[in-house]
PDB file of all heavy atoms in Angstrom:
ATOM      1  N   VAL A   1    -119.847   7.899-202.437  1.00  0.00           N
ATOM      2  CA  VAL A   1    -120.428   6.632-202.875  1.00  0.00           C
ATOM      3  C   VAL A   1    -121.339   6.097-201.768  1.00  0.00           C
ATOM      4  O   VAL A   1    -120.904   5.918-200.623  1.00  0.00           O
ATOM      5  CB  VAL A   1    -119.335   5.607-203.198  1.00  0.00           C
ATOM      6  CG1 VAL A   1    -119.950   4.266-203.589  1.00  0.00           C
ATOM      7  CG2 VAL A   1    -118.435   6.124-204.315  1.00  0.00           C
ATOM      8  N   THR A   2    -122.599   5.836-202.111  1.00  0.00           N
ATOM      9  CA  THR A   2    -123.549   5.316-201.131  1.00  0.00           C
ATOM     10  C   THR A   2    -123.827   3.833-201.305  1.00  0.00           C
ATOM     11  O   THR A   2    -124.231   3.152-200.361  1.00  0.00           O
ATOM     12  CB  THR A   2    -124.878   6.086-201.221  1.00  0.00           C
ATOM     13  OG1 THR A   2    -125.420   5.934-202.539  1.00  0.00           O
ATOM     14  CG2 THR A   2    -124.659   7.567-200.931  1.00  0.00           C
ATOM     15  N   ARG A   3    -123.643   3.293-202.504  1.00  0.00           N
ATOM     16  CA  ARG A   3    -123.921   1.883-202.756  1.00  0.00           C
ATOM     17  C   ARG A   3    -123.106   1.425-203.966  1.00  0.00           C
ATOM     18  O   ARG A   3    -122.864   2.198-204.880  1.00  0.00           O
ATOM     19  CB  ARG A   3    -125.414   1.670-203.011  1.00  0.00           C
ATOM     20  CG  ARG A   3    -125.808   0.225-203.311  1.00  0.00           C
ATOM     21  CD  ARG A   3    -127.304   0.104-203.554  1.00  0.00           C
ATOM     22  NE  ARG A   3    -128.051   0.421-202.339  1.00  0.00           N
ATOM     23  CZ  ARG A   3    -129.381   0.532-202.295  1.00  0.00           C
ATOM     24  NH1 ARG A   3    -130.084   0.384-203.407  1.00  0.00           N
ATOM     25  NH2 ARG A   3    -129.987   0.802-201.160  1.00  0.00           N
ATOM     26  N   VAL A   4    -122.712   0.151-203.938  1.00  0.00           N
ATOM     27  CA  VAL A   4    -121.966  -0.440-205.052  1.00  0.00           C
ATOM     28  C   VAL A   4    -122.595  -1.774-205.408  1.00  0.00           C
ATOM     29  O   VAL A   4    -122.852  -2.607-204.531  1.00  0.00           O
ATOM     30  CB  VAL A   4    -120.475  -0.642-204.705  1.00  0.00           C
ATOM     31  CG1 VAL A   4    -119.744  -1.303-205.870  1.00  0.00           C
ATOM     32  CG2 VAL A   4    -119.811   0.683-204.348  1.00  0.00           C
ATOM     33  N   LEU A   5    -122.828  -1.982-206.695  1.00  0.00           N
ATOM     34  CA  LEU A   5    -123.304  -3.267-207.215  1.00  0.00           C
ATOM     35  C   LEU A   5    -122.227  -3.886-208.088  1.00  0.00           C
ATOM     36  O   LEU A   5    -121.557  -3.181-208.857  1.00  0.00           O
ATOM     37  CB  LEU A   5    -124.567  -3.090-208.066  1.00  0.00           C
ATOM     38  CG  LEU A   5    -125.936  -3.134-207.378  1.00  0.00           C
ATOM     39  CD1 LEU A   5    -126.093  -1.953-206.437  1.00  0.00           C
ATOM     40  CD2 LEU A   5    -127.053  -3.140-208.414  1.00  0.00           C
ATOM     41  N   ILE A   6    -122.047  -5.191-207.983  1.00  0.00           N
ATOM     42  CA  ILE A   6    -121.209  -5.958-208.899  1.00  0.00           C
ATOM     43  C   ILE A   6    -122.047  -7.109-209.429  1.00  0.00           C
ATOM     44  O   ILE A   6    -122.605  -7.896-208.643  1.00  0.00           O
ATOM     45  CB  ILE A   6    -119.930  -6.490-208.218  1.00  0.00           C
ATOM     46  CG1 ILE A   6    -119.044  -5.330-207.770  1.00  0.00           C
ATOM     47  CG2 ILE A   6    -119.157  -7.397-209.175  1.00  0.00           C
ATOM     48  CD1 ILE A   6    -117.775  -5.756-207.063  1.00  0.00           C
ATOM     49  N   ASP A   7    -122.174  -7.171-210.745  1.00  0.00           N
ATOM     50  CA  ASP A   7    -123.033  -8.185-211.387  1.00  0.00           C
ATOM     51  C   ASP A   7    -124.439  -8.179-210.807  1.00  0.00           C
ATOM     52  O   ASP A   7    -125.065  -9.237-210.645  1.00  0.00           O
ATOM     53  CB  ASP A   7    -122.407  -9.576-211.267  1.00  0.00           C
ATOM     54  CG  ASP A   7    -121.230  -9.760-212.216  1.00  0.00           C
ATOM     55  OD1 ASP A   7    -121.197  -9.083-213.262  1.00  0.00           O
ATOM     56  OD2 ASP A   7    -120.344 -10.579-211.901  1.00  0.00           O
ATOM     57  N   GLY A   8    -124.932  -7.001-210.459  1.00  0.00           N
ATOM     58  CA  GLY A   8    -126.295  -6.866-209.968  1.00  0.00           C
ATOM     59  C   GLY A   8    -126.478  -7.101-208.495  1.00  0.00           C
ATOM     60  O   GLY A   8    -127.571  -6.879-207.963  1.00  0.00           O
ATOM     61  N   ASP A   9    -125.429  -7.544-207.794  1.00  0.00           N
ATOM     62  CA  ASP A   9    -125.520  -7.785-206.358  1.00  0.00           C
ATOM     63  C   ASP A   9    -124.978  -6.587-205.591  1.00  0.00           C
ATOM     64  O   ASP A   9    -123.920  -6.036-205.943  1.00  0.00           O
ATOM     65  CB  ASP A   9    -124.722  -9.026-205.956  1.00  0.00           C
ATOM     66  CG  ASP A   9    -125.275 -10.294-206.588  1.00  0.00           C
ATOM     67  OD1 ASP A   9    -126.517 -10.386-206.725  1.00  0.00           O
ATOM     68  OD2 ASP A   9    -124.479 -11.180-206.935  1.00  0.00           O
ATOM     69  N   VAL A  10    -125.699  -6.190-204.528  1.00  0.00           N
ATOM     70  CA  VAL A  10    -125.225  -5.108-203.675  1.00  0.00           C
ATOM     71  C   VAL A  10    -124.062  -5.631-202.832  1.00  0.00           C
ATOM     72  O   VAL A  10    -124.228  -6.556-202.033  1.00  0.00           O
ATOM     73  CB  VAL A  10    -126.348  -4.578-202.760  1.00  0.00           C
ATOM     74  CG1 VAL A  10    -125.810  -3.473-201.855  1.00  0.00           C
ATOM     75  CG2 VAL A  10    -127.514  -4.067-203.595  1.00  0.00           C
ATOM     76  N   VAL A  11    -122.867  -5.064-203.020  1.00  0.00           N
ATOM     77  CA  VAL A  11    -121.670  -5.547-202.306  1.00  0.00           C
ATOM     78  C   VAL A  11    -121.146  -4.552-201.283  1.00  0.00           C
ATOM     79  O   VAL A  11    -120.327  -4.908-200.443  1.00  0.00           O
ATOM     80  CB  VAL A  11    -120.545  -5.892-203.314  1.00  0.00           C
ATOM     81  CG1 VAL A  11    -120.977  -7.033-204.224  1.00  0.00           C
ATOM     82  CG2 VAL A  11    -120.147  -4.667-204.128  1.00  0.00           C
ATOM     83  N   ALA A  12    -121.636  -3.304-201.337  1.00  0.00           N
ATOM     84  CA  ALA A  12    -121.184  -2.305-200.358  1.00  0.00           C
ATOM     85  C   ALA A  12    -122.231  -1.218-200.223  1.00  0.00           C
ATOM     86  O   ALA A  12    -122.892  -0.852-201.196  1.00  0.00           O
ATOM     87  CB  ALA A  12    -119.845  -1.705-200.783  1.00  0.00           C
ATOM     88  N   GLU A  13    -122.360  -0.704-199.003  1.00  0.00           N
ATOM     89  CA  GLU A  13    -123.253   0.423-198.743  1.00  0.00           C
ATOM     90  C   GLU A  13    -122.614   1.334-197.721  1.00  0.00           C
ATOM     91  O   GLU A  13    -122.064   0.868-196.710  1.00  0.00           O
ATOM     92  CB  GLU A  13    -124.620  -0.052-198.244  1.00  0.00           C
ATOM     93  CG  GLU A  13    -125.537  -0.571-199.341  1.00  0.00           C
ATOM     94  CD  GLU A  13    -126.958  -0.797-198.857  1.00  0.00           C
ATOM     95  OE1 GLU A  13    -127.111  -1.373-197.761  1.00  0.00           O
ATOM     96  OE2 GLU A  13    -127.897  -0.395-199.563  1.00  0.00           O
ATOM     97  N   ASN A  14    -122.658   2.626-198.007  1.00  0.00           N
ATOM     98  CA  ASN A  14    -122.176   3.648-197.079  1.00  0.00           C
ATOM     99  C   ASN A  14    -120.764   3.352-196.580  1.00  0.00           C
ATOM    100  O   ASN A  14    -120.457   3.463-195.395  1.00  0.00           O
ATOM    101  CB  ASN A  14    -123.144   3.788-195.899  1.00  0.00           C
ATOM    102  CG  ASN A  14    -124.527   4.222-196.359  1.00  0.00           C
ATOM    103  OD1 ASN A  14    -124.656   5.107-197.201  1.00  0.00           O
ATOM    104  ND2 ASN A  14    -125.560   3.582-195.820  1.00  0.00           N
ATOM    105  N   GLY A  15    -119.903   2.951-197.497  1.00  0.00           N
ATOM    106  CA  GLY A  15    -118.498   2.765-197.169  1.00  0.00           C
ATOM    107  C   GLY A  15    -118.144   1.451-196.519  1.00  0.00           C
ATOM    108  O   GLY A  15    -116.987   1.262-196.105  1.00  0.00           O
ATOM    109  N   ARG A  16    -119.087   0.524-196.414  1.00  0.00           N
ATOM    110  CA  ARG A  16    -118.809  -0.754-195.777  1.00  0.00           C
ATOM    111  C   ARG A  16    -119.094  -1.906-196.731  1.00  0.00           C
ATOM    112  O   ARG A  16    -120.146  -1.935-197.376  1.00  0.00           O
ATOM    113  CB  ARG A  16    -119.685  -0.926-194.517  1.00  0.00           C
ATOM    114  CG  ARG A  16    -119.406   0.110-193.432  1.00  0.00           C
ATOM    115  CD  ARG A  16    -118.027  -0.083-192.822  1.00  0.00           C
ATOM    116  NE  ARG A  16    -117.733   0.937-191.812  1.00  0.00           N
ATOM    117  CZ  ARG A  16    -116.565   1.059-191.191  1.00  0.00           C
ATOM    118  NH1 ARG A  16    -115.582   0.216-191.499  1.00  0.00           N
ATOM    119  NH2 ARG A  16    -116.368   2.006-190.303  1.00  0.00           N
ATOM    120  N   ALA A  17    -118.170  -2.852-196.800  1.00  0.00           N
ATOM    121  CA  ALA A  17    -118.389  -4.037-197.628  1.00  0.00           C
ATOM    122  C   ALA A  17    -119.432  -4.931-196.979  1.00  0.00           C
ATOM    123  O   ALA A  17    -119.490  -5.054-195.743  1.00  0.00           O
ATOM    124  CB  ALA A  17    -117.080  -4.795-197.811  1.00  0.00           C
ATOM    125  N   LEU A  18    -120.253  -5.555-197.781  1.00  0.00           N
ATOM    126  CA  LEU A  18    -121.304  -6.443-197.300  1.00  0.00           C
ATOM    127  C   LEU A  18    -120.955  -7.906-197.532  1.00  0.00           C
ATOM    128  O   LEU A  18    -121.827  -8.768-197.548  1.00  0.00           O
ATOM    129  CB  LEU A  18    -122.629  -6.106-197.995  1.00  0.00           C
ATOM    130  CG  LEU A  18    -123.124  -4.663-197.822  1.00  0.00           C
ATOM    131  CD1 LEU A  18    -124.445  -4.466-198.556  1.00  0.00           C
ATOM    132  CD2 LEU A  18    -123.264  -4.304-196.350  1.00  0.00           C
ATOM    133  N   PHE A  19    -119.677  -8.188-197.700  1.00  0.00           N
ATOM    134  CA  PHE A  19    -119.241  -9.561-197.939  1.00  0.00           C
ATOM    135  C   PHE A  19    -117.951  -9.809-197.179  1.00  0.00           C
ATOM    136  O   PHE A  19    -117.249  -8.867-196.785  1.00  0.00           O
ATOM    137  CB  PHE A  19    -119.002  -9.799-199.433  1.00  0.00           C
ATOM    138  CG  PHE A  19    -117.945  -8.896-200.027  1.00  0.00           C
ATOM    139  CD1 PHE A  19    -116.613  -9.291-200.074  1.00  0.00           C
ATOM    140  CD2 PHE A  19    -118.271  -7.640-200.514  1.00  0.00           C
ATOM    141  CE1 PHE A  19    -115.634  -8.465-200.595  1.00  0.00           C
ATOM    142  CE2 PHE A  19    -117.303  -6.800-201.042  1.00  0.00           C
ATOM    143  CZ  PHE A  19    -115.989  -7.222-201.084  1.00  0.00           C
ATOM    144  N   ASP A  20    -117.651 -11.057-196.942  1.00  0.00           N
ATOM    145  CA  ASP A  20    -116.399 -11.459-196.306  1.00  0.00           C
ATOM    146  C   ASP A  20    -115.538 -12.166-197.338  1.00  0.00           C
ATOM    147  O   ASP A  20    -116.025 -12.990-198.118  1.00  0.00           O
ATOM    148  CB  ASP A  20    -116.665 -12.409-195.132  1.00  0.00           C
ATOM    149  CG  ASP A  20    -117.407 -11.725-193.997  1.00  0.00           C
ATOM    150  OD1 ASP A  20    -117.067 -10.566-193.699  1.00  0.00           O
ATOM    151  OD2 ASP A  20    -118.328 -12.351-193.434  1.00  0.00           O
ATOM    152  N   LEU A  21    -114.269 -11.838-197.327  1.00  0.00           N
ATOM    153  CA  LEU A  21    -113.351 -12.512-198.236  1.00  0.00           C
ATOM    154  C   LEU A  21    -113.026 -13.900-197.688  1.00  0.00           C
ATOM    155  O   LEU A  21    -112.681 -14.037-196.508  1.00  0.00           O
ATOM    156  CB  LEU A  21    -112.063 -11.712-198.398  1.00  0.00           C
ATOM    157  CG  LEU A  21    -112.162 -10.416-199.210  1.00  0.00           C
ATOM    158  CD1 LEU A  21    -110.841  -9.663-199.147  1.00  0.00           C
ATOM    159  CD2 LEU A  21    -112.523 -10.718-200.657  1.00  0.00           C
ATOM    160  N   PRO A  22    -113.126 -14.930-198.496  1.00  0.00           N
ATOM    161  CA  PRO A  22    -112.776 -16.269-198.009  1.00  0.00           C
ATOM    162  C   PRO A  22    -111.273 -16.364-197.764  1.00  0.00           C
ATOM    163  O   PRO A  22    -110.474 -15.674-198.409  1.00  0.00           O
ATOM    164  CB  PRO A  22    -113.209 -17.183-199.168  1.00  0.00           C
ATOM    165  CG  PRO A  22    -113.154 -16.304-200.383  1.00  0.00           C
ATOM    166  CD  PRO A  22    -113.546 -14.941-199.904  1.00  0.00           C
ATOM    167  N   PRO A  23    -110.862 -17.204-196.830  1.00  0.00           N
ATOM    168  CA  PRO A  23    -109.422 -17.370-196.582  1.00  0.00           C
ATOM    169  C   PRO A  23    -108.735 -17.972-197.794  1.00  0.00           C
ATOM    170  O   PRO A  23    -109.342 -18.725-198.565  1.00  0.00           O
ATOM    171  CB  PRO A  23    -109.377 -18.309-195.375  1.00  0.00           C
ATOM    172  CG  PRO A  23    -110.680 -19.031-195.413  1.00  0.00           C
ATOM    173  CD  PRO A  23    -111.679 -18.070-195.967  1.00  0.00           C
ATOM    174  N   PHE A  24    -107.467 -17.630-197.947  1.00  0.00           N
ATOM    175  CA  PHE A  24    -106.692 -18.151-199.074  1.00  0.00           C
ATOM    176  C   PHE A  24    -105.360 -18.644-198.549  1.00  0.00           C
ATOM    177  O   PHE A  24    -104.678 -17.943-197.788  1.00  0.00           O
ATOM    178  CB  PHE A  24    -106.477 -17.077-200.136  1.00  0.00           C
ATOM    179  CG  PHE A  24    -105.743 -17.576-201.359  1.00  0.00           C
ATOM    180  CD1 PHE A  24    -106.416 -18.237-202.365  1.00  0.00           C
ATOM    181  CD2 PHE A  24    -104.369 -17.390-201.486  1.00  0.00           C
ATOM    182  CE1 PHE A  24    -105.747 -18.713-203.486  1.00  0.00           C
ATOM    183  CE2 PHE A  24    -103.692 -17.863-202.595  1.00  0.00           C
ATOM    184  CZ  PHE A  24    -104.391 -18.520-203.601  1.00  0.00           C
ATOM    185  N   GLN A  25    -104.977 -19.835-198.948  1.00  0.00           N
ATOM    186  CA  GLN A  25    -103.710 -20.415-198.523  1.00  0.00           C
ATOM    187  C   GLN A  25    -102.658 -20.172-199.597  1.00  0.00           C
ATOM    188  O   GLN A  25    -102.724 -20.747-200.682  1.00  0.00           O
ATOM    189  CB  GLN A  25    -103.868 -21.918-198.279  1.00  0.00           C
ATOM    190  CG  GLN A  25    -102.614 -22.579-197.725  1.00  0.00           C
ATOM    191  CD  GLN A  25    -102.245 -22.072-196.340  1.00  0.00           C
ATOM    192  OE1 GLN A  25    -103.104 -21.930-195.479  1.00  0.00           O
ATOM    193  NE2 GLN A  25    -100.969 -21.789-196.132  1.00  0.00           N
ATOM    194  N   PHE A  26    -101.693 -19.312-199.289  1.00  0.00           N
ATOM    195  CA  PHE A  26    -100.635 -19.037-200.254  1.00  0.00           C
ATOM    196  C   PHE A  26     -99.608 -20.165-200.232  1.00  0.00           C
ATOM    197  O   PHE A  26     -99.303 -20.716-199.171  1.00  0.00           O
ATOM    198  CB  PHE A  26     -99.938 -17.710-199.923  1.00  0.00           C
ATOM    199  CG  PHE A  26    -100.783 -16.507-200.177  1.00  0.00           C
ATOM    200  CD1 PHE A  26    -101.575 -15.980-199.173  1.00  0.00           C
ATOM    201  CD2 PHE A  26    -100.800 -15.901-201.421  1.00  0.00           C
ATOM    202  CE1 PHE A  26    -102.369 -14.864-199.401  1.00  0.00           C
ATOM    203  CE2 PHE A  26    -101.590 -14.794-201.665  1.00  0.00           C
ATOM    204  CZ  PHE A  26    -102.379 -14.272-200.654  1.00  0.00           C
ATOM    205  N   PRO A  27     -99.044 -20.506-201.381  1.00  0.00           N
ATOM    206  CA  PRO A  27     -98.006 -21.549-201.401  1.00  0.00           C
ATOM    207  C   PRO A  27     -96.752 -21.089-200.672  1.00  0.00           C
ATOM    208  O   PRO A  27     -96.486 -19.892-200.541  1.00  0.00           O
ATOM    209  CB  PRO A  27     -97.745 -21.752-202.894  1.00  0.00           C
ATOM    210  CG  PRO A  27     -98.221 -20.495-203.557  1.00  0.00           C
ATOM    211  CD  PRO A  27     -99.359 -19.987-202.720  1.00  0.00           C
ATOM    212  N   ASP A  28     -95.973 -22.066-200.219  1.00  0.00           N
ATOM    213  CA  ASP A  28     -94.782 -21.759-199.423  1.00  0.00           C
ATOM    214  C   ASP A  28     -93.801 -20.864-200.169  1.00  0.00           C
ATOM    215  O   ASP A  28     -93.144 -20.013-199.564  1.00  0.00           O
ATOM    216  CB  ASP A  28     -94.086 -23.050-199.004  1.00  0.00           C
ATOM    217  CG  ASP A  28     -94.840 -23.779-197.897  1.00  0.00           C
ATOM    218  OD1 ASP A  28     -95.720 -23.152-197.269  1.00  0.00           O
ATOM    219  OD2 ASP A  28     -94.545 -24.964-197.664  1.00  0.00           O
ATOM    220  N   TRP A  29     -93.683 -21.044-201.481  1.00  0.00           N
ATOM    221  CA  TRP A  29     -92.690 -20.248-202.219  1.00  0.00           C
ATOM    222  C   TRP A  29     -93.061 -18.767-202.228  1.00  0.00           C
ATOM    223  O   TRP A  29     -92.190 -17.908-202.427  1.00  0.00           O
ATOM    224  CB  TRP A  29     -92.502 -20.773-203.635  1.00  0.00           C
ATOM    225  CG  TRP A  29     -93.701 -20.668-204.530  1.00  0.00           C
ATOM    226  CD1 TRP A  29     -94.675 -21.609-204.724  1.00  0.00           C
ATOM    227  CD2 TRP A  29     -94.058 -19.559-205.362  1.00  0.00           C
ATOM    228  NE1 TRP A  29     -95.614 -21.159-205.626  1.00  0.00           N
ATOM    229  CE2 TRP A  29     -95.264 -19.902-206.037  1.00  0.00           C
ATOM    230  CE3 TRP A  29     -93.483 -18.319-205.611  1.00  0.00           C
ATOM    231  CZ2 TRP A  29     -95.891 -19.045-206.933  1.00  0.00           C
ATOM    232  CZ3 TRP A  29     -94.106 -17.457-206.508  1.00  0.00           C
ATOM    233  CH2 TRP A  29     -95.293 -17.816-207.161  1.00  0.00           C
TER     234      TRP A  29
END
């Protein structure tokens, strides 16, 4: 795999993601 598009946006190239996942706060339970 050399490139990945999701909804027309390039999100990965040559095995590397081109985006950062936003932090998520899990509930205490």
